[in-house]
């Protein structure tokens, strides 16, 4: 029996969880959900109703993306991602940056000025750019957990207005994001699958 991972392809939290699964070499059953029609099995496992949700064969449930990353990499970490964990930088991403990202991308939903929040998020990205100038990565000379926990959110910010984003004078950040988007890992993580139904064939991930 495989672990079951409930996911949503475009969600940055789900992307980083899937990234750690791919990096670890673990195989899971992937259940892609439709946000407006969340499956009862997922809600029974995690009533908060957000992805990702990992249900282990012994019945344990892990429903926080960073915890899923740590579970996968504690099982196997062939790329040595765990040696590059900057908890403070990840907390800034998940806190302040995500706050401004949501109010920029979904301004109508929040009743906010998108340009104000875009500027605040860009200031955080400028700090990342400064870090990236040194080694090309956020926590050392190679890709680690810190990069992979943050990149999906920077991608979402960039995609909100890609034309404007591409004009930002943040060369190290652009290079870092570009390498990620062109990587085999990103391609594997972003594979399209049919939304799960209880009678559907099992989808093995990674494929």
Protein backbone atom coordinates (compact mmCIF):
# COMPACT_ATOMS: atom_id res chain seq x y z
CA UNK A 1 0.00 0.00 0.00
CA UNK A 2 1.43 3.36 -1.06
CA UNK A 3 1.23 6.69 0.75
CA UNK A 4 -1.58 8.80 -0.73
CA UNK A 5 -0.83 12.41 -1.64
CA UNK A 6 -3.77 14.73 -2.27
CA UNK A 7 -2.55 17.62 -4.39
CA UNK A 8 -3.49 20.45 -6.72
CA UNK A 9 -1.14 21.01 -9.63
CA UNK A 10 -0.75 24.80 -9.44
CA UNK A 11 -0.75 25.25 -5.65
CA UNK A 12 2.74 26.34 -4.50
CA UNK A 13 2.38 24.43 -1.23
CA UNK A 14 1.54 21.27 -3.17
CA UNK A 15 4.35 21.92 -5.66
CA UNK A 16 6.98 22.00 -2.95
CA UNK A 17 5.62 18.84 -1.36
CA UNK A 18 5.70 17.03 -4.70
CA UNK A 19 9.23 18.32 -5.28
CA UNK A 20 10.48 16.67 -2.11
CA UNK A 21 8.72 13.43 -3.03
CA UNK A 22 10.47 13.41 -6.41
CA UNK A 23 13.85 14.31 -4.87
CA UNK A 24 13.56 11.57 -2.27
CA UNK A 25 12.80 8.84 -4.78
CA UNK A 26 9.68 7.81 -2.87
CA UNK A 27 6.65 6.63 -4.83
CA UNK A 28 3.15 7.71 -3.81
CA UNK A 29 -0.39 7.48 -5.08
CA UNK A 30 -1.20 10.95 -6.41
CA UNK A 31 -4.75 12.21 -6.10
CA UNK A 32 -5.25 15.47 -7.96
CA UNK A 33 -8.24 17.36 -6.58
CA UNK A 34 -10.66 19.96 -7.88
CA UNK A 35 -10.76 22.82 -5.38
CA UNK A 36 -14.47 23.48 -5.82
CA UNK A 37 -15.30 19.78 -5.32
CA UNK A 38 -12.93 18.42 -2.70
CA UNK A 39 -13.20 14.66 -2.26
CA UNK A 40 -14.82 13.33 0.90
CA UNK A 41 -11.85 11.02 1.51
CA UNK A 42 -9.47 13.99 1.69
CA UNK A 43 -11.77 15.96 3.99
CA UNK A 44 -12.12 12.93 6.25
CA UNK A 45 -8.34 12.72 6.51
CA UNK A 46 -7.83 16.47 6.94
CA UNK A 47 -10.95 18.53 7.67
CA UNK A 48 -9.12 21.81 7.04
CA UNK A 49 -9.58 21.04 3.36
CA UNK A 50 -6.34 22.41 1.95
CA UNK A 51 -3.64 20.65 -0.03
CA UNK A 52 -1.26 18.99 0.20
CA UNK A 53 -2.44 16.13 2.40
CA UNK A 54 -0.37 12.98 2.81
CA UNK A 55 -2.03 9.84 4.18
CA UNK A 56 0.50 7.21 5.20
CA UNK A 57 -0.17 3.46 5.00
CA UNK A 58 -0.38 3.27 8.81
CA UNK A 59 -3.16 5.89 8.83
CA UNK A 60 -1.09 8.85 9.94
CA UNK A 61 -1.90 12.12 8.20
CA UNK A 62 0.54 14.92 7.39
CA UNK A 63 -1.27 17.99 6.12
CA UNK A 64 1.38 20.73 6.15
CA UNK A 65 3.60 21.12 3.11
CA UNK A 66 6.87 21.63 4.97
CA UNK A 67 6.14 18.64 7.18
CA UNK A 68 5.58 16.54 4.05
CA UNK A 69 8.89 17.77 2.66
CA UNK A 70 10.66 16.80 5.87
CA UNK A 71 8.95 13.41 5.97
CA UNK A 72 10.02 12.61 2.41
CA UNK A 73 13.59 13.80 2.89
CA UNK A 74 13.93 12.08 6.26
CA UNK A 75 13.05 8.86 4.44
CA UNK A 76 15.61 9.47 1.71
CA UNK A 77 17.65 12.56 0.85
CA UNK A 78 19.97 11.58 -2.02
CA UNK A 79 20.42 15.20 -3.11
CA UNK A 80 21.26 16.31 0.44
CA UNK A 81 18.57 18.99 0.52
CA UNK A 82 18.26 18.95 4.30
CA UNK A 83 21.74 20.38 4.81
CA UNK A 84 20.49 23.70 3.44
CA UNK A 85 17.55 24.62 5.61
CA UNK A 86 17.16 28.32 6.47
CA UNK A 87 14.09 28.31 8.70
CA UNK A 88 13.97 32.10 8.99
CA UNK A 89 14.03 32.64 5.23
CA UNK A 90 11.29 30.07 4.72
CA UNK A 91 9.24 31.70 7.48
CA UNK A 92 9.53 35.08 5.73
CA UNK A 93 8.32 33.46 2.51
CA UNK A 94 5.40 31.72 4.18
CA UNK A 95 4.52 34.77 6.23
CA UNK A 96 5.21 38.23 4.82
CA UNK A 97 5.80 37.26 1.19
CA UNK A 98 2.74 35.03 0.96
CA UNK A 99 0.65 37.76 2.63
CA UNK A 100 1.63 40.29 -0.03
CA UNK A 101 1.46 37.75 -2.86
CA UNK A 102 -2.15 36.90 -2.05
CA UNK A 103 -3.16 40.56 -1.85
CA UNK A 104 -1.45 41.29 -5.14
CA UNK A 105 -2.71 38.25 -7.07
CA UNK A 106 -6.19 38.19 -5.49
CA UNK A 107 -6.70 41.89 -4.81
CA UNK A 108 -10.44 41.77 -5.52
CA UNK A 109 -10.90 38.93 -3.05
CA UNK A 110 -9.05 40.83 -0.31
CA UNK A 111 -10.21 44.35 -1.15
CA UNK A 112 -6.61 45.58 -1.36
CA UNK A 113 -4.41 47.78 -3.54
CA UNK A 114 -2.48 45.26 -5.66
CA UNK A 115 0.34 47.67 -6.49
CA UNK A 116 1.03 48.36 -2.83
CA UNK A 117 1.37 44.67 -2.09
CA UNK A 118 3.32 44.02 -5.28
CA UNK A 119 5.87 46.60 -4.15
CA UNK A 120 6.15 45.07 -0.69
CA UNK A 121 6.64 41.59 -2.15
CA UNK A 122 9.22 42.91 -4.61
CA UNK A 123 11.27 44.32 -1.72
CA UNK A 124 11.45 40.80 -0.28
CA UNK A 125 12.51 39.46 -3.67
CA UNK A 126 15.28 42.09 -3.79
CA UNK A 127 16.66 40.60 -0.58
CA UNK A 128 16.61 37.16 -2.20
CA UNK A 129 18.41 38.56 -5.23
CA UNK A 130 21.19 39.85 -2.97
CA UNK A 131 21.59 36.40 -1.43
CA UNK A 132 21.56 34.70 -4.81
CA UNK A 133 24.37 36.89 -6.15
CA UNK A 134 26.82 35.09 -3.90
CA UNK A 135 26.33 31.44 -4.87
CA UNK A 136 23.28 31.24 -7.14
CA UNK A 137 21.25 29.54 -4.41
CA UNK A 138 19.67 30.62 -1.14
CA UNK A 139 21.46 28.45 1.42
CA UNK A 140 24.79 27.52 -0.09
CA UNK A 141 26.42 26.56 -3.38
CA UNK A 142 23.66 24.22 -4.61
CA UNK A 143 19.92 23.59 -4.52
CA UNK A 144 18.57 22.74 -1.07
CA UNK A 145 15.32 22.58 0.85
CA UNK A 146 15.30 26.37 1.21
CA UNK A 147 15.31 26.95 -2.54
CA UNK A 148 12.64 24.35 -3.17
CA UNK A 149 10.38 25.61 -0.39
CA UNK A 150 10.44 29.16 -1.78
CA UNK A 151 10.68 28.80 -5.57
CA UNK A 152 7.02 27.80 -6.15
CA UNK A 153 5.85 31.02 -4.51
CA UNK A 154 8.23 33.18 -6.53
CA UNK A 155 6.96 31.41 -9.64
CA UNK A 156 3.37 32.26 -8.69
CA UNK A 157 4.33 35.90 -8.13
CA UNK A 158 6.10 36.03 -11.50
CA UNK A 159 3.16 34.47 -13.34
CA UNK A 160 0.73 37.07 -12.01
CA UNK A 161 2.12 39.63 -14.50
CA UNK A 162 5.02 38.00 -16.29
CA UNK A 163 5.66 40.93 -18.60
CA UNK A 164 6.14 43.30 -15.67
CA UNK A 165 8.10 40.75 -13.63
CA UNK A 166 10.59 40.27 -16.44
CA UNK A 167 11.49 43.97 -16.26
CA UNK A 168 12.61 43.80 -12.64
CA UNK A 169 16.33 44.56 -12.20
CA UNK A 170 16.94 41.36 -10.22
CA UNK A 171 19.30 39.37 -12.44
CA UNK A 172 20.28 36.68 -9.94
CA UNK A 173 16.64 36.05 -9.08
CA UNK A 174 15.66 35.77 -12.75
CA UNK A 175 18.50 33.31 -13.36
CA UNK A 176 17.55 31.23 -10.30
CA UNK A 177 13.89 31.07 -11.30
CA UNK A 178 14.74 30.35 -14.93
CA UNK A 179 16.97 27.41 -14.00
CA UNK A 180 14.17 26.02 -11.85
CA UNK A 181 11.52 26.33 -14.55
CA UNK A 182 13.81 24.61 -17.08
CA UNK A 183 14.76 21.76 -14.75
CA UNK A 184 13.74 18.11 -15.14
CA UNK A 185 12.53 18.23 -11.54
CA UNK A 186 10.02 20.97 -12.31
CA UNK A 187 8.83 19.09 -15.39
CA UNK A 188 8.30 15.96 -13.30
CA UNK A 189 6.48 17.83 -10.58
CA UNK A 190 4.13 19.61 -12.99
CA UNK A 191 2.90 16.52 -14.86
CA UNK A 192 -0.81 16.86 -15.66
CA UNK A 193 -3.09 14.17 -14.30
CA UNK A 194 -6.84 13.68 -14.38
CA UNK A 195 -8.62 14.75 -11.17
CA UNK A 196 -9.14 11.82 -8.87
CA UNK A 197 -12.42 9.99 -8.44
CA UNK A 198 -13.00 7.09 -6.00
CA UNK A 199 -13.38 4.61 -8.86
CA UNK A 200 -10.47 5.99 -10.91
CA UNK A 201 -7.32 4.00 -11.69
CA UNK A 202 -4.41 4.61 -9.33
CA UNK A 203 -1.98 7.32 -10.46
CA UNK A 204 1.58 6.53 -9.42
CA UNK A 205 3.82 9.54 -8.75
CA UNK A 206 6.36 10.24 -9.93
CA UNK A 207 5.52 8.51 -13.18
